[in-house]
Protein backbone atom coordinates (compact mmCIF):
# COMPACT_ATOMS: atom_id res chain seq x y z
CA MET A 1 0.06 -0.10 0.27
CA ARG A 2 0.88 3.86 0.16
CA ILE A 3 0.94 4.91 3.10
CA THR A 4 1.48 8.36 5.04
CA PHE A 5 3.07 7.69 8.38
CA MET A 6 2.53 10.04 10.86
CA GLY A 7 4.29 9.50 14.19
CA THR A 8 6.83 11.18 16.26
CA PRO A 9 8.05 9.34 19.66
CA ASP A 10 10.36 6.30 20.08
CA PHE A 11 6.81 4.81 20.49
CA ALA A 12 6.12 4.92 16.69
CA VAL A 13 9.66 3.83 15.60
CA PRO A 14 9.17 0.08 15.44
CA ALA A 15 5.80 0.91 13.08
CA LEU A 16 7.11 2.88 10.69
CA VAL A 17 10.30 0.36 10.48
CA ALA A 18 7.84 -2.69 10.33
CA LEU A 19 5.83 -1.45 7.48
CA ALA A 20 8.79 -0.36 5.60
CA GLU A 21 10.36 -3.68 5.94
CA ALA A 22 6.98 -5.57 4.90
CA GLY A 23 7.39 -4.16 1.30
CA HIS A 24 4.65 -0.71 1.99
CA GLU A 25 5.51 2.38 0.05
CA ILE A 26 5.48 4.94 2.69
CA VAL A 27 5.07 8.03 0.83
CA CYS A 28 5.87 10.69 3.18
CA VAL A 29 6.35 10.81 7.32
CA TYR A 30 4.79 13.49 8.99
CA SER A 31 6.18 13.75 12.87
CA GLN A 32 6.27 16.91 14.79
CA PRO A 33 9.19 19.65 14.63
CA PRO A 34 12.52 19.58 15.88
CA SER A 35 13.28 20.89 19.07
CA ARG A 36 15.87 22.66 20.91
CA SER A 37 16.83 20.99 23.46
CA GLY A 38 20.82 20.50 25.65
CA ARG A 39 23.46 23.77 26.45
CA GLY A 40 23.78 24.52 22.97
CA LYS A 41 19.38 24.73 22.53
CA LYS A 42 20.35 22.58 19.23
CA LEU A 43 17.84 21.54 17.25
CA ARG A 44 17.19 17.88 17.50
CA LEU A 45 14.57 15.97 15.49
CA SER A 46 12.21 13.77 17.27
CA PRO A 47 12.51 9.73 17.15
CA VAL A 48 10.46 9.50 13.89
CA HIS A 49 11.78 12.55 12.18
CA ALA A 50 15.48 10.85 12.54
CA LYS A 51 14.44 7.23 11.80
CA ALA A 52 12.64 8.35 8.16
CA GLU A 53 15.88 10.54 7.37
CA GLU A 54 17.70 7.25 7.78
CA LEU A 55 15.32 5.43 5.75
CA GLY A 56 15.45 7.74 3.04
CA ILE A 57 11.81 9.00 3.70
CA THR A 58 10.55 12.75 2.67
CA VAL A 59 9.73 13.97 6.08
CA ARG A 60 7.41 17.01 6.49
CA THR A 61 6.98 18.47 10.03
CA PRO A 62 3.75 21.27 10.10
CA LYS A 63 2.51 22.82 13.62
CA SER A 64 -0.65 22.68 12.39
CA LEU A 65 -3.03 20.88 9.73
CA ARG A 66 -5.69 23.34 10.14
CA ASN A 67 -5.00 25.21 6.89
CA GLU A 68 -6.01 24.52 3.57
CA GLU A 69 -2.57 24.66 2.28
CA ALA A 70 -1.47 21.49 4.93
CA GLN A 71 -4.52 19.86 3.81
CA THR A 72 -4.08 20.15 0.27
CA GLU A 73 -0.88 18.84 0.43
CA PHE A 74 -1.75 15.74 2.31
CA ALA A 75 -4.39 14.83 0.20
CA ALA A 76 -1.97 15.33 -2.97
CA LEU A 77 -0.07 12.18 -1.52
CA ASN A 78 -2.78 10.06 -2.82
CA ALA A 79 -2.42 7.53 -0.13
CA ASP A 80 -4.09 3.77 0.73
CA VAL A 81 -3.92 4.83 4.08
CA ALA A 82 -2.84 6.86 6.93
CA VAL A 83 -1.06 5.30 9.69
CA VAL A 84 -0.81 7.18 13.28
CA ALA A 85 1.31 6.34 16.30
CA ALA A 86 1.47 9.20 19.03
CA TYR A 87 2.13 11.86 16.54
CA GLY A 88 0.87 14.56 18.66
CA LEU A 89 -1.75 16.87 16.47
CA ILE A 90 -4.97 16.87 16.32
CA LEU A 91 -5.89 15.44 12.48
CA PRO A 92 -9.05 17.55 11.16
CA GLN A 93 -11.83 15.86 8.93
CA ALA A 94 -10.12 16.72 5.77
CA VAL A 95 -6.93 14.95 6.69
CA LEU A 96 -9.18 11.95 8.49
CA ASP A 97 -11.12 11.71 4.90
CA ALA A 98 -8.04 11.89 2.32
CA PRO A 99 -6.61 8.66 2.15
CA ARG A 100 -8.52 5.85 0.16
CA LEU A 101 -8.92 3.82 3.72
CA GLY A 102 -8.88 6.59 5.92
CA CYS A 103 -6.39 7.01 8.99
CA LEU A 104 -5.59 3.78 10.99
CA ASN A 105 -4.23 4.59 15.02
CA ILE A 106 -2.26 2.03 17.08
CA HIS A 107 -3.62 2.85 20.47
CA ALA A 108 -1.62 1.45 23.40
CA SER A 109 -4.85 0.18 25.38
CA ILE A 110 -7.26 -1.58 25.20
CA LEU A 111 -10.09 0.52 23.75
CA PRO A 112 -12.70 2.01 25.41
CA ARG A 113 -10.76 1.55 28.42
CA TRP A 114 -8.17 4.44 28.93
CA ARG A 115 -8.59 6.57 25.68
CA GLY A 116 -6.58 9.85 25.82
CA ALA A 117 -2.91 10.72 26.48
CA ALA A 118 -1.38 8.70 28.86
CA PRO A 119 -3.26 5.05 28.32
CA ILE A 120 0.40 3.00 29.63
CA HIS A 121 1.07 4.89 32.58
CA ARG A 122 -2.83 5.17 34.00
CA ALA A 123 -3.46 1.05 33.27
CA VAL A 124 0.02 0.68 35.42
CA MET A 125 -1.34 3.29 38.02
CA ALA A 126 -4.62 1.29 38.29
CA GLY A 127 -2.92 -1.87 39.00
CA ASP A 128 -4.42 -3.12 35.56
CA GLU A 129 -3.84 -6.86 35.15
CA GLU A 130 -3.93 -6.29 31.65
CA THR A 131 -2.86 -3.92 28.58
CA GLY A 132 -2.48 -3.85 24.84
CA VAL A 133 -2.83 -2.66 21.96
CA THR A 134 -6.06 -1.20 19.87
CA ILE A 135 -5.69 -0.84 15.73
CA MET A 136 -8.79 1.72 15.17
CA GLN A 137 -9.95 3.53 12.29
CA MET A 138 -9.72 7.54 13.40
CA GLU A 139 -12.50 9.76 13.56
CA ALA A 140 -13.13 13.01 14.83
CA GLY A 141 -13.62 12.09 18.50
CA LEU A 142 -10.82 10.94 21.20
CA ASP A 143 -10.00 7.49 20.55
CA THR A 144 -13.30 6.83 19.55
CA GLY A 145 -13.33 4.99 16.18
CA PRO A 146 -14.04 1.71 15.09
CA MET A 147 -11.44 -1.43 16.63
CA LEU A 148 -10.03 -3.48 13.67
CA HIS A 149 -7.45 -5.45 16.03
CA ILE A 150 -6.70 -5.60 19.55
CA VAL A 151 -4.08 -7.76 21.12
CA ARG A 152 -3.29 -8.11 24.46
CA ILE A 153 -0.34 -8.65 26.98
CA PRO A 154 -0.25 -8.78 31.06
CA VAL A 155 0.68 -5.98 32.62
CA SER A 156 2.66 -7.92 35.46
CA ALA A 157 4.94 -6.27 37.76
CA LYS A 158 6.42 -4.26 34.59
CA THR A 159 7.29 0.20 34.80
CA THR A 160 5.74 1.63 31.98
CA GLY A 161 9.10 1.97 30.68
CA GLU A 162 9.38 -1.87 30.02
CA LEU A 163 5.77 -1.94 28.65
CA THR A 164 6.15 1.15 26.28
CA GLY A 165 8.88 -0.89 24.63
CA GLU A 166 6.77 -4.09 24.41
CA LEU A 167 3.52 -2.51 23.07
CA ALA A 168 5.42 -0.44 20.74
CA GLN A 169 6.68 -3.52 18.97
CA MET A 170 3.64 -5.28 19.73
CA GLY A 171 1.46 -2.61 17.79
CA ALA A 172 3.79 -2.44 14.76
CA ASP A 173 3.14 -6.28 14.42
CA ALA A 174 -0.40 -5.43 14.33
CA MET A 175 -0.56 -3.10 12.20
CA VAL A 176 1.00 -4.63 9.88
CA GLU A 177 -1.47 -8.10 10.22
CA VAL A 178 -3.93 -5.47 9.87
CA LEU A 179 -2.71 -4.37 6.45
CA SER A 180 -1.97 -7.72 4.85
CA ASP A 181 -5.04 -8.81 4.96
CA PHE A 182 -7.90 -5.09 5.35
CA ALA A 183 -11.00 -7.04 4.86
CA ALA A 184 -10.43 -9.74 7.33
CA PHE A 185 -10.53 -7.40 10.08
CA PRO A 186 -14.09 -6.06 10.33
CA PRO A 187 -14.73 -2.67 12.39
CA GLN A 188 -16.54 -3.19 15.54
CA VAL A 189 -17.67 -0.15 17.33
CA GLN A 190 -16.32 1.08 20.68
CA ASP A 191 -19.09 0.56 23.76
CA ASP A 192 -18.49 4.45 24.73
CA ALA A 193 -20.21 3.51 28.45
CA ALA A 194 -17.02 1.82 29.17
CA ALA A 195 -15.06 4.40 28.09
CA ILE A 196 -12.49 5.65 30.56
CA TYR A 197 -10.02 8.51 30.15
CA ALA A 198 -6.35 9.05 30.28
CA PRO A 199 -5.25 12.46 30.78
CA LYS A 200 -1.61 13.19 30.56
CA ILE A 201 0.07 13.05 33.92
CA ASP A 202 -0.16 16.20 36.37
CA LYS A 203 3.19 16.81 38.34
CA ALA A 204 1.35 16.90 41.69
CA GLU A 205 0.48 13.03 40.94
CA ALA A 206 4.25 12.02 40.91
CA ARG A 207 4.57 13.26 44.82
CA ILE A 208 3.93 9.84 46.92
CA ASP A 209 1.25 10.02 49.48
CA TRP A 210 2.47 7.49 51.94
CA THR A 211 -1.37 7.56 53.57
CA HIS A 212 -2.48 5.52 50.71
CA SER A 213 -2.24 1.68 50.46
CA ALA A 214 1.36 -0.01 49.95
CA GLU A 215 -0.28 -1.71 46.74
CA ALA A 216 -1.56 1.98 45.39
CA ILE A 217 1.97 3.50 46.30
CA GLU A 218 3.86 0.33 43.73
CA CYS A 219 1.60 0.54 41.61
CA GLN A 220 2.54 4.42 41.32
CA VAL A 221 6.13 3.73 41.29
CA ARG A 222 5.76 1.37 38.49
CA GLY A 223 3.43 3.81 36.97
CA LEU A 224 5.11 6.88 36.35
CA ALA A 225 8.58 5.58 35.68
CA PRO A 226 11.21 5.91 34.28
CA PHE A 227 9.39 9.41 34.00
CA PRO A 228 8.64 11.88 35.33
CA GLY A 229 9.11 9.19 38.58
CA ALA A 230 7.60 8.77 41.99
CA TRP A 231 9.10 10.98 44.54
CA PHE A 232 8.95 11.71 48.55
CA GLU A 233 11.17 14.32 50.63
CA LEU A 234 13.59 13.32 52.83
CA GLU A 235 14.72 15.61 55.10
CA GLY A 236 14.17 18.66 52.72
CA GLU A 237 15.78 16.56 49.57
CA ARG A 238 13.57 15.09 46.83
CA VAL A 239 14.46 11.62 46.34
CA LYS A 240 12.71 9.48 43.27
CA LEU A 241 11.59 6.33 43.84
CA LEU A 242 11.95 3.87 40.31
CA LEU A 243 11.18 0.54 41.53
CA SER A 244 9.89 -0.79 44.85
CA GLU A 245 8.38 -4.03 46.76
CA VAL A 246 4.98 -4.36 49.42
CA SER A 247 6.52 -6.12 52.21
CA GLU A 248 5.63 -6.67 55.52
CA GLY A 249 4.80 -4.82 58.62
CA ASN A 250 3.00 -1.53 59.75
CA GLY A 251 3.40 1.83 61.39
CA ALA A 252 2.33 5.43 61.12
CA SER A 253 2.22 6.60 57.64
CA GLY A 254 5.76 7.37 56.22
CA LYS A 255 7.75 6.54 59.14
CA VAL A 256 11.08 4.13 58.09
CA LEU A 257 10.86 1.27 60.21
CA ASP A 258 14.10 -0.19 59.71
CA ALA A 259 17.64 -0.17 58.38
CA ASN A 260 16.59 -1.68 55.22
CA LEU A 261 14.55 1.54 54.44
CA THR A 262 11.13 -0.48 54.70
CA ILE A 263 8.58 2.58 54.65
CA ALA A 264 5.28 2.64 56.84
CA CYS A 265 2.15 3.48 54.50
CA GLY A 266 -1.40 3.87 55.02
CA SER A 267 -1.89 -0.01 55.33
CA GLY A 268 1.40 -2.26 54.87
CA THR A 269 5.00 -1.06 54.04
CA ILE A 270 6.92 -0.75 50.76
CA ARG A 271 10.50 -1.38 50.51
CA PRO A 272 12.42 0.87 47.49
CA ILE A 273 14.28 -1.29 45.31
CA ARG A 274 15.82 1.81 42.92
CA LEU A 275 16.27 5.06 44.14
CA GLN A 276 17.83 8.28 42.74
CA ARG A 277 18.72 11.70 44.47
CA ALA A 278 18.22 14.77 43.03
CA GLY A 279 21.17 15.20 40.26
CA LYS A 280 22.48 12.03 40.97
CA PRO A 281 22.68 8.63 38.94
CA ALA A 282 19.56 5.77 39.78
CA MET A 283 20.78 3.52 42.32
CA ASP A 284 20.12 0.52 44.13
CA ARG A 285 18.96 0.34 47.39
CA ALA A 286 21.97 -0.53 49.06
CA ASP A 287 24.26 2.00 47.15
CA PHE A 288 21.91 4.70 47.99
CA LEU A 289 22.27 3.80 51.37
CA ARG A 290 25.53 3.61 51.96
CA GLY A 291 25.63 7.30 50.25
CA ARG A 292 22.82 8.79 52.25
CA ALA A 293 21.82 6.99 55.63
CA VAL A 294 18.38 7.21 56.54
CA ASP A 295 17.41 5.90 60.42
CA ALA A 296 14.73 3.98 61.61
CA GLY A 297 12.05 6.66 62.99
CA THR A 298 12.62 8.92 59.88
CA GLN A 299 9.46 10.41 58.78
CA LEU A 300 9.29 10.74 54.89
CA THR A 301 6.94 13.66 53.85
């Protein structure tokens, strides 16, 4: 097929590569404009943009697709389908309608659960037992379109970072499967009554509230790892908790109970596995405690 690919972050790269390797003609890639970062404020291409250039594919980086010129250029590509994966721009109806088969999205959840911007984070933070990828036909609503294909995976004890990599490859494989025999995947309408939304992570959500249960905090830690990272204050210093385990014991919320940094929660206790002090590399608990002793009885906030 003639494909227009639309994506920006690392999550979208496996799909671009898989479609190219499957023999499809990627007529153009759309990605977010380069951003300035680092000390020198140099322009940095998005991961998808960089991979497309490596593959020799034309890249466009419009700031918006709402103007007539951008929509005319998009339609002129005469694509059979547009494949969208975490692109970052709203697609107007004129864009959705331009390809012969419309626009197909790789969404990292089992729709209609977790429509929106942060489906992987939300699934982990909520303690979901499974998540997955949905290939869906895009329409004007937020992740409301008909579903073509769903693949599932257990969440287990994985972090958002770990799941993101796995789901990216699963989504790539699922999209290749759908496009190999499009007629074999009839659309299924979503049950709007069962929809749950996954808004972007707010900075305030990253701070650990020790009055919550140990199980809820452990899900929060995994759901926010590696970014933005759940955190707490240790005697005025912010510390990120990147990995933890539920342990036995009880005590006043936020109180350090022993030399192994076991922390009392609203119910149960948490024992950190991997932590990161401000301006320092992430480290295991033993290394953390060698550099920053924490006495039993210390109150965390």
